[in-house]
Amino acid sequence: MGKAAIHNPYLDTLGGGERYTLSFALALVKKGYKVDLEWRSQKIKKILESRFGMDLGEINIVPDIKRGDGYDLTFWVSDGSIPTLLSRKNILHFQVPFHNVGGRSLLNKMKLFRINKIICNSYFTKKVIDKEYGVTSIVVYPPGAVGDIKPKRKENLILYVGRFSPLLQNKRQDILIKAFKRMVDRGLIGWELILVGGVEIGVGDYLKKLKKLAEGYPIQILESPDFRTLKELYGKSRIFWSASGYGEDEIKFPEKVEHFGITVVEAMAAGAIPVVYNAGGHKEIIKDGVNGFLWNSTSELLSETKKAISGKGVYTMISKKAKRDCLKFSYERFEKEIMSLI
């Protein structure tokens, strides 16, 4: 098919946006493209393969894609700026709802003439991006590893997966720890909270504070696990929590809430019941009381969790619906939508 170039300045954060980028690259490989992924070190390939459980053997790591010069197609993840792209077909992707960055400047308008498609990861992101840059973007939802993650024999585990970094977007693991401690103090027995996340970028002393906060309670903090470990945890967990974006104003600061929430989707694939904060992209995944629960206050987090724990019939019904609904975020759907665009 030709040569394709991929640029993502955040590859080493190893988050949902990076899974999206790699899924795009693999879709191109499957279509017959020779794919170059821009990064400063070859070591990133093994790190990405371990974290996401992907075979990236046919993707080349190159130090510079020259903004697509000499390529048939370029996929570029924006850092808020609009690049001058030089390939025959150029796709610009926004993972973050950037705002107040001078998006409608004359220079940006000129650069946008070279962009064929603008893709966002959610309608939440799209709304902000379209307004900021004066564009009409397309939403292609991220693909979760829903085909690889299966339910296992359930244990009394509450799981959260999200990087341990308060930079830009605070995942608010501290809120989850405090809520779980309240449940234990009120008599919850035989349950464990497991917090999982990457520690590669921007952790600072945040992780130390979380560990201190969790002391003396059945709370486990797991740093940067490989994909096999993550699949096992998803499979065993009964409930998935998220407080990402808690306490933030999503209108004034949309970048600080969850832009989509791919780990919620992956938990659903394992039949875990999501109990997640009612903001940002979470609202595009969860139908409250149908395939999970949305909460607005910590008291609601506790009450909805109690409902999921004690109501066996409720648990079974919502778990089954979660497993069905996660399929619309499959890799196969993603690949089909991407191929229709290019």
Protein backbone atom coordinates (compact mmCIF):
# COMPACT_ATOMS: atom_id res chain seq x y z
CA MET A 1 0.00 0.00 0.00
CA GLY A 2 2.88 2.39 0.70
CA LYS A 3 4.80 4.00 3.54
CA ALA A 4 3.18 5.38 6.70
CA ALA A 5 4.65 7.53 9.48
CA ILE A 6 3.43 7.65 13.08
CA HIS A 7 4.21 10.38 15.62
CA ASN A 8 3.18 10.36 19.29
CA PRO A 9 5.21 12.57 21.66
CA TYR A 10 3.79 10.73 24.69
CA LEU A 11 4.77 7.14 23.86
CA ASP A 12 6.70 6.67 27.10
CA THR A 13 3.63 7.48 29.23
CA LEU A 14 2.25 4.06 28.18
CA GLY A 15 -1.41 5.06 28.53
CA GLY A 16 -4.62 4.67 26.58
CA GLY A 17 -3.50 7.16 23.95
CA GLU A 18 -0.45 5.03 23.27
CA ARG A 19 -2.58 1.90 22.83
CA TYR A 20 -4.65 3.93 20.35
CA THR A 21 -1.53 4.95 18.41
CA LEU A 22 -0.17 1.40 18.26
CA SER A 23 -3.56 0.01 17.23
CA PHE A 24 -3.62 2.51 14.37
CA ALA A 25 -0.10 1.44 13.35
CA LEU A 26 -1.03 -2.27 13.43
CA ALA A 27 -4.13 -1.62 11.33
CA LEU A 28 -1.88 -0.04 8.71
CA VAL A 29 0.55 -2.98 8.82
CA LYS A 30 -2.36 -5.36 8.28
CA LYS A 31 -3.40 -3.30 5.26
CA GLY A 32 0.07 -3.68 3.77
CA TYR A 33 1.75 -0.43 4.78
CA LYS A 34 5.39 -0.19 5.80
CA VAL A 35 5.09 1.66 9.10
CA ASP A 36 7.71 3.88 10.77
CA LEU A 37 7.11 4.97 14.37
CA GLU A 38 9.09 8.01 15.46
CA TRP A 39 10.99 7.68 18.77
CA ARG A 40 14.45 8.47 20.04
CA SER A 41 15.31 4.95 21.22
CA GLN A 42 14.76 1.43 19.89
CA LYS A 43 14.20 0.23 23.46
CA ILE A 44 10.66 1.63 23.44
CA LYS A 45 9.41 -1.29 21.31
CA LYS A 46 9.93 -3.97 23.97
CA ILE A 47 8.51 -1.70 26.65
CA LEU A 48 5.36 -1.11 24.61
CA GLU A 49 4.99 -4.80 23.75
CA SER A 50 5.21 -5.78 27.42
CA ARG A 51 2.75 -3.15 28.64
CA PHE A 52 0.11 -3.66 25.95
CA GLY A 53 0.57 -7.31 24.98
CA MET A 54 1.07 -6.39 21.32
CA ASP A 55 3.40 -7.81 18.68
CA LEU A 56 5.12 -4.78 17.13
CA GLY A 57 7.67 -6.77 15.17
CA GLU A 58 6.67 -5.31 11.80
CA ILE A 59 6.79 -1.69 13.01
CA ASN A 60 10.06 0.18 12.56
CA ILE A 61 11.33 2.63 15.19
CA VAL A 62 13.00 5.62 13.51
CA PRO A 63 14.45 8.79 15.07
CA ASP A 64 12.74 11.22 12.68
CA ILE A 65 9.79 10.90 10.30
CA LYS A 66 10.53 14.41 8.92
CA ARG A 67 6.90 15.46 9.44
CA GLY A 68 5.84 12.90 6.87
CA ASP A 69 8.09 14.03 4.03
CA GLY A 70 8.38 11.11 1.60
CA TYR A 71 5.51 9.14 3.15
CA ASP A 72 2.11 8.24 1.72
CA LEU A 73 0.33 8.71 5.04
CA THR A 74 1.10 10.34 8.39
CA PHE A 75 -0.73 9.84 11.69
CA TRP A 76 0.25 12.60 14.12
CA VAL A 77 -0.84 12.86 17.78
CA SER A 78 -1.08 16.55 18.63
CA ASP A 79 0.44 18.13 21.74
CA GLY A 80 -1.91 21.07 21.23
CA SER A 81 -0.02 22.51 18.31
CA ILE A 82 -0.82 22.08 14.62
CA PRO A 83 2.15 20.64 12.72
CA THR A 84 3.08 21.32 9.12
CA LEU A 85 2.69 17.81 7.69
CA LEU A 86 4.21 16.83 4.38
CA SER A 87 2.93 13.40 3.39
CA ARG A 88 0.33 12.71 0.68
CA LYS A 89 -2.41 12.09 3.28
CA ASN A 90 -2.25 13.55 6.79
CA ILE A 91 -4.31 12.57 9.82
CA LEU A 92 -4.14 14.65 12.99
CA HIS A 93 -5.30 13.02 16.23
CA PHE A 94 -6.34 14.71 19.47
CA GLN A 95 -6.31 12.67 22.67
CA VAL A 96 -6.60 15.72 24.92
CA PRO A 97 -9.30 18.44 24.81
CA PHE A 98 -6.85 21.33 24.42
CA HIS A 99 -8.33 24.80 24.89
CA ASN A 100 -7.15 28.39 25.22
CA VAL A 101 -4.10 27.63 23.04
CA GLY A 102 -4.81 30.07 20.21
CA GLY A 103 -6.24 27.29 18.07
CA ARG A 104 -7.80 29.63 15.48
CA SER A 105 -4.64 31.58 14.70
CA LEU A 106 -3.93 32.43 11.07
CA LEU A 107 -0.84 30.21 11.13
CA ASN A 108 -2.87 27.24 12.38
CA LYS A 109 -5.50 27.81 9.70
CA MET A 110 -2.77 27.68 7.06
CA LYS A 111 -1.32 24.47 8.50
CA LEU A 112 -4.74 22.86 8.63
CA PHE A 113 -4.96 23.03 4.83
CA ARG A 114 -2.46 20.15 4.79
CA ILE A 115 -4.57 18.03 7.19
CA ASN A 116 -7.00 15.61 5.53
CA LYS A 117 -8.74 14.28 8.64
CA ILE A 118 -8.88 15.29 12.30
CA ILE A 119 -9.76 12.46 14.67
CA CYS A 120 -10.75 12.65 18.34
CA ASN A 121 -11.00 9.85 20.88
CA SER A 122 -14.44 10.87 22.22
CA TYR A 123 -17.30 13.29 21.69
CA PHE A 124 -16.19 14.98 24.89
CA THR A 125 -12.82 15.74 23.30
CA LYS A 126 -14.40 16.60 19.95
CA LYS A 127 -16.66 19.28 21.40
CA VAL A 128 -13.70 21.15 22.87
CA ILE A 129 -11.38 20.67 19.88
CA ASP A 130 -13.94 21.77 17.28
CA LYS A 131 -14.61 24.97 19.22
CA GLU A 132 -10.95 25.74 19.92
CA TYR A 133 -9.60 25.18 16.40
CA GLY A 134 -12.70 25.93 14.31
CA VAL A 135 -12.72 22.47 12.73
CA THR A 136 -15.12 19.55 12.29
CA SER A 137 -13.39 16.49 13.67
CA ILE A 138 -14.40 12.83 13.48
CA VAL A 139 -14.75 10.58 16.53
CA VAL A 140 -13.15 7.16 16.37
CA TYR A 141 -13.41 5.55 19.78
CA PRO A 142 -10.27 3.86 21.14
CA PRO A 143 -9.95 0.09 20.94
CA GLY A 144 -9.70 -1.80 24.21
CA ALA A 145 -8.14 -5.22 24.56
CA VAL A 146 -11.65 -6.63 24.87
CA GLY A 147 -10.83 -9.74 22.85
CA ASP A 148 -7.90 -10.63 25.10
CA ILE A 149 -9.46 -9.93 28.51
CA LYS A 150 -11.75 -12.64 29.88
CA PRO A 151 -13.68 -13.09 33.15
CA LYS A 152 -12.04 -15.45 35.61
CA ARG A 153 -13.19 -16.86 38.93
CA LYS A 154 -14.16 -13.68 40.73
CA GLU A 155 -12.57 -12.62 44.01
CA ASN A 156 -13.59 -9.83 46.36
CA LEU A 157 -11.42 -7.28 44.61
CA ILE A 158 -12.04 -3.65 43.70
CA LEU A 159 -9.65 -2.58 40.94
CA TYR A 160 -8.53 0.72 39.48
CA VAL A 161 -6.11 1.05 36.54
CA GLY A 162 -4.58 4.44 35.69
CA ARG A 163 -1.15 5.99 35.80
CA PHE A 164 0.22 7.38 39.07
CA SER A 165 0.82 10.88 37.79
CA PRO A 166 -0.96 14.09 38.86
CA LEU A 167 0.37 15.90 35.77
CA LEU A 168 -2.35 17.40 33.56
CA GLN A 169 -4.99 14.82 34.48
CA ASN A 170 -5.25 13.69 38.09
CA LYS A 171 -6.58 10.17 38.41
CA ARG A 172 -7.40 10.80 42.11
CA GLN A 173 -6.33 7.48 43.56
CA ASP A 174 -6.30 9.28 46.92
CA ILE A 175 -10.10 9.59 46.79
CA LEU A 176 -10.43 5.86 46.15
CA ILE A 177 -8.16 4.99 49.07
CA LYS A 178 -10.11 7.24 51.46
CA ALA A 179 -13.44 5.80 50.28
CA PHE A 180 -12.25 2.22 50.72
CA LYS A 181 -10.90 2.98 54.19
CA ARG A 182 -14.35 4.31 55.13
CA MET A 183 -15.93 1.08 53.94
CA VAL A 184 -13.50 -1.01 55.99
CA ASP A 185 -13.99 1.20 59.05
CA ARG A 186 -17.75 0.67 58.69
CA GLY A 187 -17.35 -3.10 58.75
CA LEU A 188 -16.43 -4.29 55.25
CA ILE A 189 -14.56 -7.57 55.61
CA GLY A 190 -12.81 -9.79 53.09
CA TRP A 191 -12.38 -7.20 50.33
CA GLU A 192 -9.22 -5.70 48.85
CA LEU A 193 -8.57 -2.55 46.81
CA ILE A 194 -5.90 -2.82 44.13
CA LEU A 195 -4.55 0.29 42.45
CA VAL A 196 -2.55 -0.35 39.29
CA GLY A 197 -0.71 2.16 37.13
CA GLY A 198 2.37 3.32 35.31
CA VAL A 199 5.11 5.19 37.17
CA GLU A 200 7.27 6.16 34.21
CA ILE A 201 6.32 9.83 33.93
CA GLY A 202 5.53 12.63 36.39
CA VAL A 203 5.00 10.64 39.59
CA GLY A 204 7.00 12.88 41.94
CA ASP A 205 6.12 12.18 45.58
CA TYR A 206 2.48 11.40 44.77
CA LEU A 207 3.01 7.64 44.95
CA LYS A 208 4.71 7.91 48.35
CA LYS A 209 1.72 9.86 49.67
CA LEU A 210 -0.67 7.21 48.36
CA LYS A 211 1.31 4.40 50.01
CA LYS A 212 1.33 6.30 53.29
CA LEU A 213 -2.42 6.89 53.03
CA ALA A 214 -3.06 3.18 52.40
CA GLU A 215 -1.05 1.86 55.35
CA GLY A 216 -2.84 -0.57 57.65
CA TYR A 217 -5.62 -1.42 55.18
CA PRO A 218 -6.08 -4.22 52.60
CA ILE A 219 -4.93 -1.97 49.77
CA GLN A 220 -2.34 -3.04 47.22
CA ILE A 221 -0.48 -0.62 44.94
CA LEU A 222 1.02 -2.24 41.84
CA GLU A 223 3.48 -0.28 39.71
CA SER A 224 3.79 -0.67 35.92
CA PRO A 225 2.69 -4.29 35.52
CA ASP A 226 2.97 -6.18 32.25
CA PHE A 227 -0.14 -6.98 30.24
CA ARG A 228 -0.36 -10.59 31.45
CA THR A 229 -0.58 -9.42 35.07
CA LEU A 230 -3.12 -6.78 34.16
CA LYS A 231 -5.35 -9.31 32.37
CA GLU A 232 -5.29 -11.52 35.45
CA LEU A 233 -6.36 -8.66 37.71
CA TYR A 234 -9.16 -7.57 35.40
CA GLY A 235 -10.40 -11.15 35.23
CA LYS A 236 -10.53 -11.65 39.02
CA SER A 237 -11.99 -8.27 40.02
CA ARG A 238 -15.68 -7.89 40.83
CA ILE A 239 -15.78 -4.08 40.77
CA PHE A 240 -13.87 -1.37 38.90
CA TRP A 241 -13.58 2.07 40.49
CA SER A 242 -12.51 5.40 39.01
CA ALA A 243 -12.37 8.88 40.54
CA SER A 244 -10.57 10.41 37.58
CA GLY A 245 -11.51 14.07 37.28
CA TYR A 246 -13.10 14.25 40.74
CA GLY A 247 -13.37 17.82 42.02
CA GLU A 248 -12.60 19.41 38.65
CA ASP A 249 -14.78 21.71 36.55
CA GLU A 250 -15.05 19.89 33.21
CA ILE A 251 -16.28 23.02 31.44
CA LYS A 252 -13.40 25.27 32.56
CA PHE A 253 -10.75 22.54 32.69
CA PRO A 254 -11.79 19.70 30.33
CA GLU A 255 -8.21 18.42 30.17
CA LYS A 256 -8.34 17.47 33.87
CA VAL A 257 -11.16 14.93 33.63
CA GLU A 258 -11.14 11.56 31.87
CA HIS A 259 -11.05 12.15 28.11
CA PHE A 260 -12.37 8.67 27.39
CA GLY A 261 -11.46 5.87 29.84
CA ILE A 262 -10.23 2.76 28.05
CA THR A 263 -9.47 0.91 31.30
CA VAL A 264 -13.19 1.11 32.14
CA VAL A 265 -13.93 -0.69 28.85
CA GLU A 266 -11.33 -3.37 29.57
CA ALA A 267 -12.75 -3.97 33.05
CA MET A 268 -16.20 -4.38 31.48
CA ALA A 269 -14.78 -7.08 29.18
CA ALA A 270 -13.84 -9.04 32.30
CA GLY A 271 -17.35 -8.67 33.73
CA ALA A 272 -16.29 -6.26 36.48
CA ILE A 273 -18.95 -3.70 37.40
CA PRO A 274 -17.73 -0.12 36.74
CA VAL A 275 -18.47 2.45 39.46
CA VAL A 276 -16.91 5.57 37.93
CA TYR A 277 -16.98 9.32 38.36
CA ASN A 278 -19.66 11.09 36.33
CA ALA A 279 -17.52 13.29 34.10
CA GLY A 280 -15.86 13.48 30.68
CA GLY A 281 -15.63 10.37 28.54
CA HIS A 282 -17.00 8.09 31.27
CA LYS A 283 -20.49 9.29 30.33
CA GLU A 284 -20.03 7.91 26.80
CA ILE A 285 -19.22 4.43 28.11
CA ILE A 286 -21.48 3.94 31.11
CA LYS A 287 -25.27 4.00 31.21
CA ASP A 288 -26.02 4.54 34.87
CA GLY A 289 -27.65 1.52 36.47
CA VAL A 290 -27.55 -0.44 33.20
CA ASN A 291 -23.95 -1.45 32.48
CA GLY A 292 -22.36 0.22 35.51
CA PHE A 293 -22.78 3.15 37.86
CA LEU A 294 -21.90 6.85 37.63
CA TRP A 295 -21.29 8.77 40.86
CA ASN A 296 -21.09 12.46 41.72
CA SER A 297 -20.08 12.38 45.40
CA THR A 298 -18.06 9.99 47.53
CA SER A 299 -21.24 9.06 49.40
CA GLU A 300 -22.70 7.96 46.05
CA LEU A 301 -19.52 6.02 45.29
CA LEU A 302 -19.97 4.12 48.54
CA SER A 303 -23.72 3.55 48.14
CA GLU A 304 -23.43 2.33 44.53
CA THR A 305 -20.55 0.05 45.48
CA LYS A 306 -22.57 -1.36 48.37
CA LYS A 307 -25.40 -2.03 45.92
CA ALA A 308 -23.02 -3.91 43.60
CA ILE A 309 -21.58 -5.91 46.51
CA SER A 310 -24.83 -6.90 48.21
CA GLY A 311 -27.26 -7.24 45.31
CA LYS A 312 -26.40 -10.57 43.66
CA GLY A 313 -29.12 -10.24 41.01
CA VAL A 314 -28.07 -6.67 40.29
CA TYR A 315 -24.46 -7.74 39.99
CA THR A 316 -25.21 -10.52 37.51
CA MET A 317 -27.45 -8.36 35.32
CA ILE A 318 -25.06 -5.39 35.13
CA SER A 319 -22.00 -7.60 34.67
CA LYS A 320 -23.60 -9.31 31.66
CA LYS A 321 -24.61 -5.98 30.13
CA ALA A 322 -21.10 -4.58 30.68
CA LYS A 323 -19.58 -7.56 28.84
CA ARG A 324 -21.90 -7.01 25.88
CA ASP A 325 -21.54 -3.24 25.69
CA CYS A 326 -17.74 -3.26 25.73
CA LEU A 327 -17.73 -4.94 22.31
CA LYS A 328 -18.44 -1.66 20.55
CA PHE A 329 -14.92 -0.65 21.62
CA SER A 330 -13.24 -3.69 20.06
CA TYR A 331 -10.13 -3.62 17.90
CA GLU A 332 -12.11 -5.04 14.96
CA ARG A 333 -14.53 -2.09 15.05
CA PHE A 334 -11.62 0.34 15.35
CA GLU A 335 -9.78 -1.20 12.40
CA LYS A 336 -12.88 -1.06 10.23
CA GLU A 337 -13.48 2.64 11.00
CA ILE A 338 -9.84 3.56 10.43
CA MET A 339 -9.72 1.76 7.09
CA SER A 340 -12.87 3.58 5.95
CA LEU A 341 -11.14 6.88 6.69
CA ILE A 342 -7.95 6.19 4.78
